[in-house]
Amino acid sequence: MPKETAVYTHGHHESVLRSHTWRTAENSAAYLLPHLNPGAHVLDVGCGPGTITADLARLVGPEGRVTGVDAAPGILDQARATASEHGLDNTDFTTADVHALNFPDDSFDVVHAHQVLQHVGDPVTALREMRRVCRPGGIVAARDADYAAMAWYPELPVLGTWLDLYERVARAAGGEPDAGRRLRSWAQRAGFTDVTSSAASWCYAAEGERAWWSGLWADRTTASSYATLAVDGGHATPAQLKEIAESWRDWGTREDAWFMVPHGEILCRA
């Protein structure tokens, strides 16, 4: 079975975690929540700092249990701390490669992945593995952004340059940044026959939201693993990254600024 071949484009720089720790089950997994039952056993793939994981554990607990897995061992300490801060004792965390999950067949009632399949080397194999560890009749759920469908106003030209650059860097790293539109196709190729598709979005327009979103992307553009991959891969120079970051900050100061991040979602019956 293939192992992970993609490089995680963002890494875990503070500017990345600024975004990841904002995520909750409500703002990032609302499509799944009606299908969560108390007492369920849940696998949260690519759990990162564990904020969504903690919400899922609260929703299925205390009888239910959530296992969070991530390919990066370092981030799991933060996930454990998040669970502890919420007073949760029905979570556990371990490293894992979604292409080859170290769990027996039929181990979980729900297998969930948020913003994961866009970053893996073989999303179809990943979905097959997620299906393998899901009990018959259970749910495999995935949600991913679609970068090419992102929209913003004012349409600053340099933000168009940012989008083109990000997509080139992500694909060179082995991922697919426009994963949202592909989820249904990947699920069908993975063997699922009962797939419910939906879409949802994040929108940043209020003053605090604009400053937060533009600031984290400005910092990510110059200081994260993404910045390193962009320069080392010959996709951009440090000067070009600085110009993009300055454009992000300029956009964030505009009172009429608006940014929309669309997501594709799938609920697959195992």
C-alpha atoms as a PDB file:
ATOM      1  CA  MET A   1       0.000   0.000   0.000  1.00  0.00           C
ATOM      2  CA  PRO A   2       1.404   3.465  -0.910  1.00  0.00           C
ATOM      3  CA  LYS A   3       2.858   5.591   1.835  1.00  0.00           C
ATOM      4  CA  GLU A   4       2.555   9.351   2.180  1.00  0.00           C
ATOM      5  CA  THR A   5       4.286  11.001  -0.779  1.00  0.00           C
ATOM      6  CA  ALA A   6       3.176  14.618  -0.504  1.00  0.00           C
ATOM      7  CA  VAL A   7       4.904  17.315   1.528  1.00  0.00           C
ATOM      8  CA  TYR A   8       2.520  19.259   3.759  1.00  0.00           C
ATOM      9  CA  THR A   9       2.574  22.665   2.079  1.00  0.00           C
ATOM     10  CA  HIS A  10       1.779  24.814   5.105  1.00  0.00           C
ATOM     11  CA  GLY A  11       3.747  23.200   7.915  1.00  0.00           C
ATOM     12  CA  HIS A  12       2.957  24.247  11.489  1.00  0.00           C
ATOM     13  CA  HIS A  13       4.282  27.800  11.715  1.00  0.00           C
ATOM     14  CA  GLU A  14       2.416  30.050  14.147  1.00  0.00           C
ATOM     15  CA  SER A  15       0.682  31.782  11.232  1.00  0.00           C
ATOM     16  CA  VAL A  16      -0.728  28.422  10.144  1.00  0.00           C
ATOM     17  CA  LEU A  17      -1.842  27.407  13.627  1.00  0.00           C
ATOM     18  CA  ARG A  18      -3.495  30.810  14.002  1.00  0.00           C
ATOM     19  CA  SER A  19      -5.948  29.554  11.405  1.00  0.00           C
ATOM     20  CA  HIS A  20      -6.114  25.907  12.473  1.00  0.00           C
ATOM     21  CA  THR A  21      -6.898  26.654  16.122  1.00  0.00           C
ATOM     22  CA  TRP A  22      -9.829  28.859  15.024  1.00  0.00           C
ATOM     23  CA  ARG A  23     -11.569  25.828  13.533  1.00  0.00           C
ATOM     24  CA  THR A  24     -14.433  24.200  15.392  1.00  0.00           C
ATOM     25  CA  ALA A  25     -16.885  21.444  14.593  1.00  0.00           C
ATOM     26  CA  GLU A  26     -19.532  24.123  14.079  1.00  0.00           C
ATOM     27  CA  ASN A  27     -17.602  26.243  11.566  1.00  0.00           C
ATOM     28  CA  SER A  28     -15.748  23.396   9.867  1.00  0.00           C
ATOM     29  CA  ALA A  29     -17.818  20.198  10.142  1.00  0.00           C
ATOM     30  CA  ALA A  30     -21.450  21.294  10.345  1.00  0.00           C
ATOM     31  CA  TYR A  31     -22.389  18.897   7.534  1.00  0.00           C
ATOM     32  CA  LEU A  32     -21.293  15.957   9.717  1.00  0.00           C
ATOM     33  CA  LEU A  33     -22.878  16.935  13.030  1.00  0.00           C
ATOM     34  CA  PRO A  34     -26.403  15.565  12.363  1.00  0.00           C
ATOM     35  CA  HIS A  35     -24.800  12.141  11.813  1.00  0.00           C
ATOM     36  CA  LEU A  36     -22.879  12.046  15.116  1.00  0.00           C
ATOM     37  CA  ASN A  37     -24.482   9.950  17.831  1.00  0.00           C
ATOM     38  CA  PRO A  38     -23.607   9.799  21.535  1.00  0.00           C
ATOM     39  CA  GLY A  39     -21.413   6.800  22.167  1.00  0.00           C
ATOM     40  CA  ALA A  40     -19.914   6.757  18.669  1.00  0.00           C
ATOM     41  CA  HIS A  41     -16.252   5.939  18.094  1.00  0.00           C
ATOM     42  CA  VAL A  42     -14.704   8.524  15.777  1.00  0.00           C
ATOM     43  CA  LEU A  43     -11.380   8.717  13.949  1.00  0.00           C
ATOM     44  CA  ASP A  44     -10.262  12.286  13.203  1.00  0.00           C
ATOM     45  CA  VAL A  45      -7.662  12.085  10.428  1.00  0.00           C
ATOM     46  CA  GLY A  46      -5.183  14.967  10.204  1.00  0.00           C
ATOM     47  CA  CYS A  47      -6.342  16.339  13.539  1.00  0.00           C
ATOM     48  CA  GLY A  48      -3.655  19.036  13.804  1.00  0.00           C
ATOM     49  CA  PRO A  49      -3.956  21.050  17.029  1.00  0.00           C
ATOM     50  CA  GLY A  50      -7.138  19.209  17.960  1.00  0.00           C
ATOM     51  CA  THR A  51      -9.802  21.911  18.172  1.00  0.00           C
ATOM     52  CA  ILE A  52     -12.255  20.043  15.930  1.00  0.00           C
ATOM     53  CA  THR A  53     -11.267  16.765  17.615  1.00  0.00           C
ATOM     54  CA  ALA A  54     -12.183  18.183  21.017  1.00  0.00           C
ATOM     55  CA  ASP A  55     -15.586  19.301  19.765  1.00  0.00           C
ATOM     56  CA  LEU A  56     -16.284  15.877  18.276  1.00  0.00           C
ATOM     57  CA  ALA A  57     -15.304  14.229  21.572  1.00  0.00           C
ATOM     58  CA  ARG A  58     -17.656  16.491  23.489  1.00  0.00           C
ATOM     59  CA  LEU A  59     -20.501  15.635  21.112  1.00  0.00           C
ATOM     60  CA  VAL A  60     -20.098  11.838  21.318  1.00  0.00           C
ATOM     61  CA  GLY A  61     -19.040  11.666  24.966  1.00  0.00           C
ATOM     62  CA  PRO A  62     -18.830  10.573  27.598  1.00  0.00           C
ATOM     63  CA  GLU A  63     -19.523   7.048  26.324  1.00  0.00           C
ATOM     64  CA  GLY A  64     -18.113   7.744  22.871  1.00  0.00           C
ATOM     65  CA  ARG A  65     -14.453   8.174  22.003  1.00  0.00           C
ATOM     66  CA  VAL A  66     -12.410  10.110  19.450  1.00  0.00           C
ATOM     67  CA  THR A  67      -8.974   9.126  18.210  1.00  0.00           C
ATOM     68  CA  GLY A  68      -7.019  11.930  16.555  1.00  0.00           C
ATOM     69  CA  VAL A  69      -4.211  11.074  14.162  1.00  0.00           C
ATOM     70  CA  ASP A  70      -1.717  13.230  12.328  1.00  0.00           C
ATOM     71  CA  ALA A  71       1.379  12.583  10.249  1.00  0.00           C
ATOM     72  CA  ALA A  72       3.328  15.210  12.227  1.00  0.00           C
ATOM     73  CA  PRO A  73       4.115  13.960  15.759  1.00  0.00           C
ATOM     74  CA  GLY A  74       4.979  17.414  17.095  1.00  0.00           C
ATOM     75  CA  ILE A  75       1.489  18.843  16.652  1.00  0.00           C
ATOM     76  CA  LEU A  76      -0.053  16.054  18.730  1.00  0.00           C
ATOM     77  CA  ASP A  77       1.254  17.536  21.970  1.00  0.00           C
ATOM     78  CA  GLN A  78      -0.833  20.613  21.241  1.00  0.00           C
ATOM     79  CA  ALA A  79      -3.839  18.406  20.418  1.00  0.00           C
ATOM     80  CA  ARG A  80      -3.481  16.605  23.745  1.00  0.00           C
ATOM     81  CA  ALA A  81      -3.247  19.961  25.521  1.00  0.00           C
ATOM     82  CA  THR A  82      -6.407  21.147  23.750  1.00  0.00           C
ATOM     83  CA  ALA A  83      -8.310  18.065  24.937  1.00  0.00           C
ATOM     84  CA  SER A  84      -6.986  18.531  28.462  1.00  0.00           C
ATOM     85  CA  GLU A  85      -8.021  22.200  28.521  1.00  0.00           C
ATOM     86  CA  HIS A  86     -11.548  21.101  27.636  1.00  0.00           C
ATOM     87  CA  GLY A  87     -11.552  18.528  30.437  1.00  0.00           C
ATOM     88  CA  LEU A  88     -11.955  15.635  27.999  1.00  0.00           C
ATOM     89  CA  ASP A  89     -10.891  12.117  28.918  1.00  0.00           C
ATOM     90  CA  ASN A  90     -12.406  10.352  25.896  1.00  0.00           C
ATOM     91  CA  THR A  91      -9.681  11.244  23.384  1.00  0.00           C
ATOM     92  CA  ASP A  92      -6.388   9.702  22.358  1.00  0.00           C
ATOM     93  CA  PHE A  93      -3.827  10.778  19.791  1.00  0.00           C
ATOM     94  CA  THR A  94      -1.215   9.011  17.691  1.00  0.00           C
ATOM     95  CA  THR A  95       0.755   9.450  14.487  1.00  0.00           C
ATOM     96  CA  ALA A  96      -0.556   7.854  11.319  1.00  0.00           C
ATOM     97  CA  ASP A  97      -0.286   7.881   7.536  1.00  0.00           C
ATOM     98  CA  VAL A  98      -3.768   8.019   6.043  1.00  0.00           C
ATOM     99  CA  HIS A  99      -2.593   5.806   3.166  1.00  0.00           C
ATOM    100  CA  ALA A 100      -1.893   2.984   5.642  1.00  0.00           C
ATOM    101  CA  LEU A 101      -3.831   3.455   8.879  1.00  0.00           C
ATOM    102  CA  ASN A 102      -2.635   1.307  11.752  1.00  0.00           C
ATOM    103  CA  PHE A 103      -6.103   0.204  12.869  1.00  0.00           C
ATOM    104  CA  PRO A 104      -8.028  -3.026  12.289  1.00  0.00           C
ATOM    105  CA  ASP A 105     -10.878  -3.203   9.813  1.00  0.00           C
ATOM    106  CA  ASP A 106     -14.248  -1.878  11.031  1.00  0.00           C
ATOM    107  CA  SER A 107     -12.805   0.010  14.023  1.00  0.00           C
ATOM    108  CA  PHE A 108     -14.829   3.260  13.933  1.00  0.00           C
ATOM    109  CA  ASP A 109     -18.389   4.450  13.453  1.00  0.00           C
ATOM    110  CA  VAL A 110     -17.254   7.718  11.841  1.00  0.00           C
ATOM    111  CA  VAL A 111     -14.007   8.561  10.049  1.00  0.00           C
ATOM    112  CA  HIS A 112     -13.526  12.300   9.493  1.00  0.00           C
ATOM    113  CA  ALA A 113     -10.916  14.351   7.630  1.00  0.00           C
ATOM    114  CA  HIS A 114     -10.897  18.150   7.420  1.00  0.00           C
ATOM    115  CA  GLN A 115      -8.568  19.842   4.913  1.00  0.00           C
ATOM    116  CA  VAL A 116      -6.536  16.643   4.569  1.00  0.00           C
ATOM    117  CA  LEU A 117      -7.118  15.102   1.149  1.00  0.00           C
ATOM    118  CA  GLN A 118      -5.780  18.182  -0.645  1.00  0.00           C
ATOM    119  CA  HIS A 119      -2.398  17.514   0.955  1.00  0.00           C
ATOM    120  CA  VAL A 120      -1.929  13.741   0.476  1.00  0.00           C
ATOM    121  CA  GLY A 121      -0.121  11.901  -2.276  1.00  0.00           C
ATOM    122  CA  ASP A 122      -2.993   9.574  -3.183  1.00  0.00           C
ATOM    123  CA  PRO A 123      -6.430  10.751  -2.020  1.00  0.00           C
ATOM    124  CA  VAL A 124      -8.226   7.749  -3.535  1.00  0.00           C
ATOM    125  CA  THR A 125      -6.073   5.305  -1.560  1.00  0.00           C
ATOM    126  CA  ALA A 126      -6.578   7.496   1.521  1.00  0.00           C
ATOM    127  CA  LEU A 127     -10.359   7.245   1.151  1.00  0.00           C
ATOM    128  CA  ARG A 128     -10.114   3.474   0.695  1.00  0.00           C
ATOM    129  CA  GLU A 129      -8.201   3.263   3.962  1.00  0.00           C
ATOM    130  CA  MET A 130     -10.724   5.486   5.702  1.00  0.00           C
ATOM    131  CA  ARG A 131     -13.443   3.156   4.426  1.00  0.00           C
ATOM    132  CA  ARG A 132     -11.544   0.056   5.560  1.00  0.00           C
ATOM    133  CA  VAL A 133     -11.395   1.198   9.183  1.00  0.00           C
ATOM    134  CA  CYS A 134     -15.032   2.356   9.183  1.00  0.00           C
ATOM    135  CA  ARG A 135     -17.684  -0.109  10.315  1.00  0.00           C
ATOM    136  CA  PRO A 136     -20.292  -1.233   7.767  1.00  0.00           C
ATOM    137  CA  GLY A 137     -23.049   1.350   7.717  1.00  0.00           C
ATOM    138  CA  GLY A 138     -20.770   3.989   9.243  1.00  0.00           C
ATOM    139  CA  ILE A 139     -19.839   7.379   7.807  1.00  0.00           C
ATOM    140  CA  VAL A 140     -16.662   8.550   6.084  1.00  0.00           C
ATOM    141  CA  ALA A 141     -16.694  12.364   5.954  1.00  0.00           C
ATOM    142  CA  ALA A 142     -14.293  14.738   4.228  1.00  0.00           C
ATOM    143  CA  ARG A 143     -14.204  18.478   3.648  1.00  0.00           C
ATOM    144  CA  ASP A 144     -11.634  20.356   1.594  1.00  0.00           C
ATOM    145  CA  ALA A 145     -11.199  23.872   0.308  1.00  0.00           C
ATOM    146  CA  ASP A 146     -11.099  24.670  -3.403  1.00  0.00           C
ATOM    147  CA  TYR A 147      -8.481  27.339  -4.032  1.00  0.00           C
ATOM    148  CA  ALA A 148      -9.336  28.087  -7.668  1.00  0.00           C
ATOM    149  CA  ALA A 149     -12.916  28.895  -6.602  1.00  0.00           C
ATOM    150  CA  MET A 150     -11.852  31.369  -3.898  1.00  0.00           C
ATOM    151  CA  ALA A 151     -13.089  34.899  -4.523  1.00  0.00           C
ATOM    152  CA  TRP A 152     -12.248  38.284  -3.075  1.00  0.00           C
ATOM    153  CA  TYR A 153     -12.849  41.972  -3.428  1.00  0.00           C
ATOM    154  CA  PRO A 154     -11.201  44.373  -4.126  1.00  0.00           C
ATOM    155  CA  GLU A 155      -9.516  42.343  -6.853  1.00  0.00           C
ATOM    156  CA  LEU A 156      -5.944  43.370  -6.153  1.00  0.00           C
ATOM    157  CA  PRO A 157      -3.757  41.954  -8.957  1.00  0.00           C
ATOM    158  CA  VAL A 158      -1.113  40.671  -6.559  1.00  0.00           C
ATOM    159  CA  LEU A 159      -3.660  38.426  -4.838  1.00  0.00           C
ATOM    160  CA  GLY A 160      -4.165  36.762  -8.211  1.00  0.00           C
ATOM    161  CA  THR A 161      -0.411  36.235  -8.251  1.00  0.00           C
ATOM    162  CA  TRP A 162      -0.686  34.755  -4.741  1.00  0.00           C
ATOM    163  CA  LEU A 163      -3.312  32.240  -5.843  1.00  0.00           C
ATOM    164  CA  ASP A 164      -1.331  31.142  -8.896  1.00  0.00           C
ATOM    165  CA  LEU A 165       1.815  30.782  -6.786  1.00  0.00           C
ATOM    166  CA  TYR A 166       0.081  28.811  -4.036  1.00  0.00           C
ATOM    167  CA  GLU A 167      -1.423  26.355  -6.505  1.00  0.00           C
ATOM    168  CA  ARG A 168       1.963  25.787  -8.187  1.00  0.00           C
ATOM    169  CA  VAL A 169       3.720  25.246  -4.856  1.00  0.00           C
ATOM    170  CA  ALA A 170       1.016  22.893  -3.544  1.00  0.00           C
ATOM    171  CA  ARG A 171       1.056  20.758  -6.690  1.00  0.00           C
ATOM    172  CA  ALA A 172       4.848  20.632  -6.733  1.00  0.00           C
ATOM    173  CA  ALA A 173       4.618  19.331  -3.150  1.00  0.00           C
ATOM    174  CA  GLY A 174       2.378  16.488  -4.348  1.00  0.00           C
ATOM    175  CA  GLY A 175      -1.016  17.869  -3.329  1.00  0.00           C
ATOM    176  CA  GLU A 176      -4.161  19.090  -5.110  1.00  0.00           C
ATOM    177  CA  PRO A 177      -5.260  22.551  -3.924  1.00  0.00           C
ATOM    178  CA  ASP A 178      -8.573  22.355  -5.814  1.00  0.00           C
ATOM    179  CA  ALA A 179      -9.606  19.248  -3.894  1.00  0.00           C
ATOM    180  CA  GLY A 180     -13.085  20.440  -2.964  1.00  0.00           C
ATOM    181  CA  ARG A 181     -14.513  19.891  -6.446  1.00  0.00           C
ATOM    182  CA  ARG A 182     -12.836  16.482  -6.717  1.00  0.00           C
ATOM    183  CA  LEU A 183     -14.046  14.852  -3.488  1.00  0.00           C
ATOM    184  CA  ARG A 184     -17.083  13.145  -4.995  1.00  0.00           C
ATOM    185  CA  SER A 185     -15.039  11.738  -7.883  1.00  0.00           C
ATOM    186  CA  TRP A 186     -12.315  10.498  -5.526  1.00  0.00           C
ATOM    187  CA  ALA A 187     -14.917   8.832  -3.297  1.00  0.00           C
ATOM    188  CA  GLN A 188     -16.492   7.048  -6.249  1.00  0.00           C
ATOM    189  CA  ARG A 189     -13.081   5.850  -7.434  1.00  0.00           C
ATOM    190  CA  ALA A 190     -12.426   4.611  -3.874  1.00  0.00           C
ATOM    191  CA  GLY A 191     -15.462   2.328  -4.176  1.00  0.00           C
ATOM    192  CA  PHE A 192     -18.163   4.291  -2.353  1.00  0.00           C
ATOM    193  CA  THR A 193     -21.599   4.017  -3.942  1.00  0.00           C
ATOM    194  CA  ASP A 194     -23.588   6.050  -1.397  1.00  0.00           C
ATOM    195  CA  VAL A 195     -22.087   9.544  -1.482  1.00  0.00           C
ATOM    196  CA  THR A 196     -23.850  12.740  -0.414  1.00  0.00           C
ATOM    197  CA  SER A 197     -22.143  15.902  -1.650  1.00  0.00           C
ATOM    198  CA  SER A 198     -22.503  19.429  -0.354  1.00  0.00           C
ATOM    199  CA  ALA A 199     -20.654  22.727  -0.246  1.00  0.00           C
ATOM    200  CA  ALA A 200     -20.098  25.420   2.353  1.00  0.00           C
ATOM    201  CA  SER A 201     -17.899  28.464   2.783  1.00  0.00           C
ATOM    202  CA  TRP A 202     -15.991  30.645   5.168  1.00  0.00           C
ATOM    203  CA  CYS A 203     -16.375  34.375   4.635  1.00  0.00           C
ATOM    204  CA  TYR A 204     -14.158  37.116   6.043  1.00  0.00           C
ATOM    205  CA  ALA A 205     -15.519  40.651   5.763  1.00  0.00           C
ATOM    206  CA  ALA A 206     -15.883  42.246   9.196  1.00  0.00           C
ATOM    207  CA  GLU A 207     -13.026  44.450  10.372  1.00  0.00           C
ATOM    208  CA  GLY A 208     -11.535  41.928  12.788  1.00  0.00           C
ATOM    209  CA  GLU A 209     -11.991  39.073  10.322  1.00  0.00           C
ATOM    210  CA  ARG A 210     -10.233  40.971   7.535  1.00  0.00           C
ATOM    211  CA  ALA A 211      -7.272  41.827   9.741  1.00  0.00           C
ATOM    212  CA  TRP A 212      -6.993  38.256  11.030  1.00  0.00           C
ATOM    213  CA  TRP A 213      -7.236  36.573   7.623  1.00  0.00           C
ATOM    214  CA  SER A 214      -4.944  38.989   5.806  1.00  0.00           C
ATOM    215  CA  GLY A 215      -2.410  38.999   8.628  1.00  0.00           C
ATOM    216  CA  LEU A 216      -2.072  35.240   8.847  1.00  0.00           C
ATOM    217  CA  TRP A 217      -1.660  34.924   5.075  1.00  0.00           C
ATOM    218  CA  ALA A 218       0.863  37.755   5.000  1.00  0.00           C
ATOM    219  CA  ASP A 219       2.916  36.013   7.671  1.00  0.00           C
ATOM    220  CA  ARG A 220       2.447  32.581   6.081  1.00  0.00           C
ATOM    221  CA  THR A 221       3.688  33.942   2.757  1.00  0.00           C
ATOM    222  CA  THR A 222       7.045  34.997   4.181  1.00  0.00           C
ATOM    223  CA  ALA A 223       7.703  32.776   7.201  1.00  0.00           C
ATOM    224  CA  SER A 224       6.067  29.335   6.909  1.00  0.00           C
ATOM    225  CA  SER A 225       7.014  26.069   5.223  1.00  0.00           C
ATOM    226  CA  TYR A 226       5.010  27.292   2.239  1.00  0.00           C
ATOM    227  CA  ALA A 227       7.412  30.225   1.876  1.00  0.00           C
ATOM    228  CA  THR A 228      10.397  27.879   2.043  1.00  0.00           C
ATOM    229  CA  LEU A 229       8.902  25.551  -0.575  1.00  0.00           C
ATOM    230  CA  ALA A 230       8.144  28.524  -2.826  1.00  0.00           C
ATOM    231  CA  VAL A 231      11.719  29.814  -2.739  1.00  0.00           C
ATOM    232  CA  ASP A 232      13.563  26.487  -2.698  1.00  0.00           C
ATOM    233  CA  GLY A 233      11.399  25.187  -5.538  1.00  0.00           C
ATOM    234  CA  GLY A 234      12.192  28.185  -7.717  1.00  0.00           C
ATOM    235  CA  HIS A 235       8.563  29.367  -7.759  1.00  0.00           C
ATOM    236  CA  ALA A 236       9.216  32.802  -6.225  1.00  0.00           C
ATOM    237  CA  THR A 237      11.951  34.999  -4.800  1.00  0.00           C
ATOM    238  CA  PRO A 238      11.908  36.406  -1.256  1.00  0.00           C
ATOM    239  CA  ALA A 239      11.257  39.831  -2.777  1.00  0.00           C
ATOM    240  CA  GLN A 240       8.211  38.536  -4.624  1.00  0.00           C
ATOM    241  CA  LEU A 241       6.890  36.903  -1.460  1.00  0.00           C
ATOM    242  CA  LYS A 242       7.338  40.187   0.400  1.00  0.00           C
ATOM    243  CA  GLU A 243       5.330  42.003  -2.272  1.00  0.00           C
ATOM    244  CA  ILE A 244       2.510  39.452  -1.957  1.00  0.00           C
ATOM    245  CA  ALA A 245       2.537  39.767   1.838  1.00  0.00           C
ATOM    246  CA  GLU A 246       2.337  43.563   1.604  1.00  0.00           C
ATOM    247  CA  SER A 247      -0.607  43.220  -0.768  1.00  0.00           C
ATOM    248  CA  TRP A 248      -2.371  40.960   1.728  1.00  0.00           C
ATOM    249  CA  ARG A 249      -1.913  43.568   4.455  1.00  0.00           C
ATOM    250  CA  ASP A 250      -3.137  46.318   2.117  1.00  0.00           C
ATOM    251  CA  TRP A 251      -6.256  44.280   1.284  1.00  0.00           C
ATOM    252  CA  GLY A 252      -6.961  43.759   4.989  1.00  0.00           C
ATOM    253  CA  THR A 253      -7.136  47.525   5.659  1.00  0.00           C
ATOM    254  CA  ARG A 254      -9.880  48.169   3.111  1.00  0.00           C
ATOM    255  CA  GLU A 255     -13.354  48.662   4.549  1.00  0.00           C
ATOM    256  CA  ASP A 256     -15.020  47.077   1.515  1.00  0.00           C
ATOM    257  CA  ALA A 257     -12.783  43.983   1.556  1.00  0.00           C
ATOM    258  CA  TRP A 258     -14.465  40.564   1.330  1.00  0.00           C
ATOM    259  CA  PHE A 259     -12.976  37.070   0.987  1.00  0.00           C
ATOM    260  CA  MET A 260     -14.766  33.755   0.434  1.00  0.00           C
ATOM    261  CA  VAL A 261     -13.249  30.294   0.901  1.00  0.00           C
ATOM    262  CA  PRO A 262     -15.454  27.575  -0.651  1.00  0.00           C
ATOM    263  CA  HIS A 263     -15.348  23.934   0.440  1.00  0.00           C
ATOM    264  CA  GLY A 264     -16.522  20.683  -1.047  1.00  0.00           C
ATOM    265  CA  GLU A 265     -17.946  18.126   1.414  1.00  0.00           C
ATOM    266  CA  ILE A 266     -18.766  14.438   1.180  1.00  0.00           C
ATOM    267  CA  LEU A 267     -20.613  12.029   3.445  1.00  0.00           C
ATOM    268  CA  CYS A 268     -19.948   8.454   2.319  1.00  0.00           C
ATOM    269  CA  ARG A 269     -21.802   5.458   3.707  1.00  0.00           C
ATOM    270  CA  ALA A 270     -19.360   2.618   4.315  1.00  0.00           C
END
